Protein backbone atom coordinates (compact mmCIF):
# COMPACT_ATOMS: atom_id res chain seq x y z
CA MET A 1 -14.88 -129.93 -80.39
CA PRO A 2 -15.39 -126.95 -78.04
CA THR A 3 -14.68 -123.53 -79.41
CA SER A 4 -12.22 -121.11 -77.88
CA LYS A 5 -15.16 -119.00 -76.68
CA GLN A 6 -16.66 -122.01 -74.88
CA LEU A 7 -13.35 -122.74 -73.15
CA LYS A 8 -12.85 -119.17 -71.85
CA PRO A 9 -14.61 -119.87 -68.49
CA LEU A 10 -12.35 -122.88 -67.94
CA GLN A 11 -9.30 -120.75 -68.74
CA ARG A 12 -10.43 -118.16 -66.16
CA CYS A 13 -10.77 -120.91 -63.54
CA ILE A 14 -7.30 -122.25 -64.33
CA ASN A 15 -5.81 -118.75 -64.12
CA SER A 16 -7.52 -118.19 -60.78
CA ILE A 17 -6.12 -121.45 -59.39
CA ARG A 18 -2.66 -120.46 -60.65
CA THR A 19 -2.84 -117.28 -58.58
CA LEU A 20 -2.88 -119.50 -55.49
CA ASP A 21 -0.03 -121.72 -56.62
CA ASP A 22 1.18 -121.95 -60.19
CA ARG A 23 2.45 -125.50 -59.60
CA MET A 24 -0.60 -126.96 -57.88
CA PRO A 25 -0.87 -130.66 -58.78
CA ILE A 26 -4.05 -131.82 -60.48
CA GLY A 27 -4.78 -134.21 -57.58
CA VAL A 28 -5.00 -131.24 -55.23
CA ILE A 29 -7.40 -129.48 -57.58
CA VAL A 30 -9.53 -132.63 -57.78
CA VAL A 31 -9.81 -132.77 -53.96
CA LEU A 32 -10.71 -129.08 -53.81
CA ILE A 33 -13.47 -129.62 -56.37
CA ALA A 34 -14.75 -132.66 -54.43
CA LEU A 35 -15.15 -130.45 -51.36
CA SER A 36 -16.80 -127.62 -53.30
CA ASP A 37 -20.33 -128.36 -52.08
CA GLY A 38 -19.27 -127.05 -48.66
CA GLU A 39 -20.33 -130.14 -46.73
CA GLU A 40 -18.01 -131.82 -44.25
CA ILE A 41 -16.93 -135.25 -45.50
CA GLU A 42 -15.00 -138.19 -44.08
CA VAL A 43 -11.65 -138.64 -45.79
CA ARG A 44 -12.38 -142.33 -46.47
CA ASP A 45 -15.52 -141.24 -48.37
CA LEU A 46 -13.34 -138.95 -50.49
CA GLN A 47 -11.13 -141.92 -51.23
CA GLY A 48 -14.05 -143.92 -52.60
CA GLU A 49 -15.46 -140.97 -54.51
CA LEU A 50 -12.17 -139.95 -56.13
CA ASP A 51 -10.45 -143.32 -56.51
CA MET A 52 -7.26 -141.90 -54.98
CA THR A 53 -5.02 -143.35 -52.31
CA VAL A 54 -5.50 -142.17 -48.74
CA GLN A 55 -1.94 -140.84 -48.80
CA SER A 56 -2.66 -138.73 -51.89
CA ILE A 57 -5.81 -137.33 -50.32
CA PHE A 58 -4.05 -136.47 -47.06
CA ARG A 59 -1.24 -134.82 -49.02
CA ALA A 60 -3.80 -132.77 -50.97
CA LEU A 61 -5.70 -131.81 -47.80
CA THR A 62 -2.45 -130.69 -46.17
CA TYR A 63 -1.55 -128.73 -49.30
CA LEU A 64 -4.94 -127.02 -49.20
CA GLY A 65 -4.83 -126.61 -45.41
CA ASP A 66 -2.76 -124.44 -43.13
CA GLN A 67 0.64 -125.99 -43.93
CA HIS A 68 2.16 -126.66 -47.29
CA TRP A 69 2.71 -130.38 -47.85
CA ASN A 70 6.40 -129.81 -48.62
CA LYS A 71 7.72 -128.50 -45.31
CA LYS A 72 11.15 -127.95 -46.84
CA SER A 73 9.70 -125.23 -49.04
CA ASN A 74 8.90 -123.07 -46.00
CA LYS A 75 5.61 -122.12 -47.62
CA GLY A 76 2.48 -121.53 -45.63
CA GLY A 77 -0.64 -123.41 -46.56
CA LEU A 78 -3.44 -122.08 -48.72
CA ASN A 79 -5.98 -122.20 -45.86
CA LEU A 80 -8.77 -123.37 -48.18
CA VAL A 81 -9.57 -126.60 -46.30
CA GLU A 82 -9.69 -127.59 -42.65
CA GLN A 83 -9.46 -131.04 -41.13
CA ARG A 84 -10.55 -132.36 -37.79
CA ILE A 85 -10.81 -135.66 -35.99
CA HIS A 86 -14.26 -137.23 -35.96
CA PRO A 87 -15.80 -136.56 -32.51
CA GLU A 88 -17.12 -140.11 -32.13
CA ASP A 89 -14.30 -142.11 -33.74
CA ARG A 90 -10.78 -140.75 -33.38
CA ARG A 91 -9.57 -142.97 -36.23
CA LEU A 92 -11.59 -140.96 -38.74
CA ARG A 93 -10.82 -137.53 -40.16
CA LEU A 94 -13.29 -135.00 -41.49
CA ALA A 95 -12.55 -132.29 -44.04
CA LYS A 96 -14.41 -129.24 -45.31
CA LEU A 97 -13.79 -125.89 -46.93
CA THR A 98 -12.78 -122.96 -44.75
CA PRO A 99 -14.58 -119.64 -45.25
CA LYS A 100 -11.69 -118.63 -47.51
CA GLY A 101 -12.09 -121.88 -49.45
CA THR A 102 -15.82 -121.30 -49.82
CA MET A 103 -15.21 -117.80 -51.18
CA PHE A 104 -12.62 -119.12 -53.62
CA VAL A 105 -14.95 -121.85 -54.91
CA LYS A 106 -17.74 -119.29 -55.35
CA GLN A 107 -15.34 -117.17 -57.39
CA LEU A 108 -14.63 -120.17 -59.63
CA GLU A 109 -18.35 -120.85 -59.99
CA GLU A 110 -18.90 -117.29 -61.22
CA PHE A 111 -16.55 -118.00 -64.12
CA LEU A 112 -18.64 -120.98 -65.15
């Protein structure tokens, strides 16, 4: 069983995520972590890697992007992730961290 001292870095990461949105769903956090290496990735590859539905991944990417997934809330997005259409196949979408997202992930890494 981990000690309280060993769990402190995790607690700092959770507190940092809560500063962005104190109600962020775990699925959104999972997608953010999957993008943390900074490489651009096809959304369908995220689906296979995370075992999540495409709809859940798109919802998470929108949540982390420039618009909040719940448009009724009138909240702006977190601007941590950007999406674009694949240049060679318009059916595919690519996602990666924005500079702000990269800085945020680096901050989390410092806690660990």
